[in-house]
């Protein structure tokens, strides 16, 4: 089931280039994330995903930042931080991952 409150908060974070923290899939650890795009899953267009750069995963503190996607249905305890992240000009929505439709995407500010 889509959590529209979480989706709307993520859309706001994308517009403002704000770093977010959240918990995923009932985990006890926080993740720090720079959201870039919200879109329909290529495997199931009824599922809504958020893609971006995970900069920190408290359960794996030594992992480097990496592009990651999350199913919005499993995102909880979302906090939009005051931190603004720098737009990566290399990000593109032309990838086939986004073929079922983009809901929101980052724009340069």
C-alpha atoms as a PDB file:
ATOM      1  CA  UNK A   1       0.000   0.000   0.000  1.00  0.00           C
ATOM      2  CA  UNK A   2       1.405   3.373  -0.996  1.00  0.00           C
ATOM      3  CA  UNK A   3       2.072   5.769   1.861  1.00  0.00           C
ATOM      4  CA  UNK A   4       1.164   9.112   0.309  1.00  0.00           C
ATOM      5  CA  UNK A   5       2.356  11.083   3.351  1.00  0.00           C
ATOM      6  CA  UNK A   6       5.866   9.637   2.947  1.00  0.00           C
ATOM      7  CA  UNK A   7       5.688  10.115  -0.825  1.00  0.00           C
ATOM      8  CA  UNK A   8       4.701  13.778  -0.453  1.00  0.00           C
ATOM      9  CA  UNK A   9       7.489  14.390   2.063  1.00  0.00           C
ATOM     10  CA  UNK A  10      10.009  12.801  -0.299  1.00  0.00           C
ATOM     11  CA  UNK A  11       8.729  14.931  -3.184  1.00  0.00           C
ATOM     12  CA  UNK A  12       9.277  18.027  -1.043  1.00  0.00           C
ATOM     13  CA  UNK A  13      12.797  16.869  -0.137  1.00  0.00           C
ATOM     14  CA  UNK A  14      13.583  16.320  -3.832  1.00  0.00           C
ATOM     15  CA  UNK A  15      12.395  19.826  -4.763  1.00  0.00           C
ATOM     16  CA  UNK A  16      14.522  21.394  -2.039  1.00  0.00           C
ATOM     17  CA  UNK A  17      17.536  19.054  -2.407  1.00  0.00           C
ATOM     18  CA  UNK A  18      17.218  18.085   1.272  1.00  0.00           C
ATOM     19  CA  UNK A  19      18.962  15.111   2.814  1.00  0.00           C
ATOM     20  CA  UNK A  20      16.567  12.704   4.549  1.00  0.00           C
ATOM     21  CA  UNK A  21      16.934   9.975   7.130  1.00  0.00           C
ATOM     22  CA  UNK A  22      14.595   7.036   7.492  1.00  0.00           C
ATOM     23  CA  UNK A  23      14.207   3.443   8.529  1.00  0.00           C
ATOM     24  CA  UNK A  24      13.480   0.781   5.967  1.00  0.00           C
ATOM     25  CA  UNK A  25      11.521  -2.455   6.160  1.00  0.00           C
ATOM     26  CA  UNK A  26      11.257  -2.498   9.974  1.00  0.00           C
ATOM     27  CA  UNK A  27      15.010  -2.201  10.474  1.00  0.00           C
ATOM     28  CA  UNK A  28      16.371  -0.679  13.669  1.00  0.00           C
ATOM     29  CA  UNK A  29      19.042   1.355  11.901  1.00  0.00           C
ATOM     30  CA  UNK A  30      18.760   4.701  10.167  1.00  0.00           C
ATOM     31  CA  UNK A  31      19.722   5.381   6.582  1.00  0.00           C
ATOM     32  CA  UNK A  32      20.817   8.782   5.291  1.00  0.00           C
ATOM     33  CA  UNK A  33      19.709   9.448   1.746  1.00  0.00           C
ATOM     34  CA  UNK A  34      19.760  12.096  -0.987  1.00  0.00           C
ATOM     35  CA  UNK A  35      16.508  11.535  -2.924  1.00  0.00           C
ATOM     36  CA  UNK A  36      16.634  12.186  -6.682  1.00  0.00           C
ATOM     37  CA  UNK A  37      13.576  10.554  -8.225  1.00  0.00           C
ATOM     38  CA  UNK A  38      10.221   8.980  -7.373  1.00  0.00           C
ATOM     39  CA  UNK A  39       8.906   6.595  -9.985  1.00  0.00           C
ATOM     40  CA  UNK A  40       6.788   3.555 -10.793  1.00  0.00           C
ATOM     41  CA  UNK A  41       8.690   0.291 -10.480  1.00  0.00           C
ATOM     42  CA  UNK A  42       9.687  -1.240 -13.821  1.00  0.00           C
ATOM     43  CA  UNK A  43       8.661  -4.659 -12.466  1.00  0.00           C
ATOM     44  CA  UNK A  44       5.246  -3.569 -11.106  1.00  0.00           C
ATOM     45  CA  UNK A  45       3.834  -0.163 -11.997  1.00  0.00           C
ATOM     46  CA  UNK A  46       1.658  -0.238  -8.845  1.00  0.00           C
ATOM     47  CA  UNK A  47       4.768  -0.009  -6.674  1.00  0.00           C
ATOM     48  CA  UNK A  48       6.349   3.382  -6.086  1.00  0.00           C
ATOM     49  CA  UNK A  49      10.120   3.623  -5.619  1.00  0.00           C
ATOM     50  CA  UNK A  50      12.452   6.399  -4.574  1.00  0.00           C
ATOM     51  CA  UNK A  51      15.940   6.481  -6.028  1.00  0.00           C
ATOM     52  CA  UNK A  52      18.942   8.472  -4.939  1.00  0.00           C
ATOM     53  CA  UNK A  53      22.258   8.303  -3.148  1.00  0.00           C
ATOM     54  CA  UNK A  54      22.429   6.482   0.145  1.00  0.00           C
ATOM     55  CA  UNK A  55      25.244   8.274   1.942  1.00  0.00           C
ATOM     56  CA  UNK A  56      25.061   6.352   5.205  1.00  0.00           C
ATOM     57  CA  UNK A  57      23.609   3.088   6.466  1.00  0.00           C
ATOM     58  CA  UNK A  58      24.001   2.754  10.228  1.00  0.00           C
ATOM     59  CA  UNK A  59      23.923  -1.051   9.944  1.00  0.00           C
ATOM     60  CA  UNK A  60      26.929  -0.916   7.549  1.00  0.00           C
ATOM     61  CA  UNK A  61      28.807   2.233   8.595  1.00  0.00           C
ATOM     62  CA  UNK A  62      31.834   1.626   6.366  1.00  0.00           C
ATOM     63  CA  UNK A  63      29.910   1.249   3.101  1.00  0.00           C
ATOM     64  CA  UNK A  64      30.635   4.050   0.610  1.00  0.00           C
ATOM     65  CA  UNK A  65      27.834   6.265  -0.746  1.00  0.00           C
ATOM     66  CA  UNK A  66      25.998   4.488  -3.545  1.00  0.00           C
ATOM     67  CA  UNK A  67      22.936   4.949  -5.748  1.00  0.00           C
ATOM     68  CA  UNK A  68      20.093   2.987  -4.224  1.00  0.00           C
ATOM     69  CA  UNK A  69      16.354   2.560  -4.646  1.00  0.00           C
ATOM     70  CA  UNK A  70      13.726   1.899  -1.984  1.00  0.00           C
ATOM     71  CA  UNK A  71      10.077   0.905  -2.123  1.00  0.00           C
ATOM     72  CA  UNK A  72       8.183   3.790  -0.504  1.00  0.00           C
ATOM     73  CA  UNK A  73       5.799   1.301   1.105  1.00  0.00           C
ATOM     74  CA  UNK A  74       8.607   0.191   3.449  1.00  0.00           C
ATOM     75  CA  UNK A  75       9.981   3.635   4.358  1.00  0.00           C
ATOM     76  CA  UNK A  76       9.194   4.788   7.902  1.00  0.00           C
ATOM     77  CA  UNK A  77      10.291   7.399  10.425  1.00  0.00           C
ATOM     78  CA  UNK A  78      11.211   9.781   7.619  1.00  0.00           C
ATOM     79  CA  UNK A  79      12.935  12.995   8.684  1.00  0.00           C
ATOM     80  CA  UNK A  80      13.777  15.786   6.263  1.00  0.00           C
ATOM     81  CA  UNK A  81      16.997  17.312   7.550  1.00  0.00           C
ATOM     82  CA  UNK A  82      18.181  20.895   7.171  1.00  0.00           C
ATOM     83  CA  UNK A  83      21.129  19.677   5.104  1.00  0.00           C
ATOM     84  CA  UNK A  84      21.074  20.481   1.400  1.00  0.00           C
ATOM     85  CA  UNK A  85      22.892  18.163  -0.989  1.00  0.00           C
ATOM     86  CA  UNK A  86      24.636  19.146  -4.190  1.00  0.00           C
ATOM     87  CA  UNK A  87      22.881  18.221  -7.427  1.00  0.00           C
ATOM     88  CA  UNK A  88      24.798  15.594  -9.410  1.00  0.00           C
ATOM     89  CA  UNK A  89      24.720  16.677 -13.058  1.00  0.00           C
ATOM     90  CA  UNK A  90      25.462  13.094 -14.089  1.00  0.00           C
ATOM     91  CA  UNK A  91      22.043  11.885 -12.938  1.00  0.00           C
ATOM     92  CA  UNK A  92      19.710  11.017 -15.811  1.00  0.00           C
ATOM     93  CA  UNK A  93      16.109   9.829 -15.946  1.00  0.00           C
ATOM     94  CA  UNK A  94      16.636   8.337 -19.423  1.00  0.00           C
ATOM     95  CA  UNK A  95      17.502   4.931 -17.917  1.00  0.00           C
ATOM     96  CA  UNK A  96      15.033   2.097 -18.617  1.00  0.00           C
ATOM     97  CA  UNK A  97      14.550   1.835 -14.827  1.00  0.00           C
ATOM     98  CA  UNK A  98      12.130   4.769 -15.150  1.00  0.00           C
ATOM     99  CA  UNK A  99      10.149   3.472 -18.146  1.00  0.00           C
ATOM    100  CA  UNK A 100       6.868   3.059 -16.205  1.00  0.00           C
ATOM    101  CA  UNK A 101       6.729   6.745 -15.331  1.00  0.00           C
ATOM    102  CA  UNK A 102       8.361   9.362 -13.172  1.00  0.00           C
ATOM    103  CA  UNK A 103       6.353  11.053 -10.424  1.00  0.00           C
ATOM    104  CA  UNK A 104       8.989  13.544  -9.250  1.00  0.00           C
ATOM    105  CA  UNK A 105      12.615  14.180 -10.148  1.00  0.00           C
ATOM    106  CA  UNK A 106      15.369  16.467  -9.035  1.00  0.00           C
ATOM    107  CA  UNK A 107      16.022  19.698 -10.900  1.00  0.00           C
ATOM    108  CA  UNK A 108      19.003  22.030 -10.588  1.00  0.00           C
ATOM    109  CA  UNK A 109      18.337  24.935  -8.207  1.00  0.00           C
END
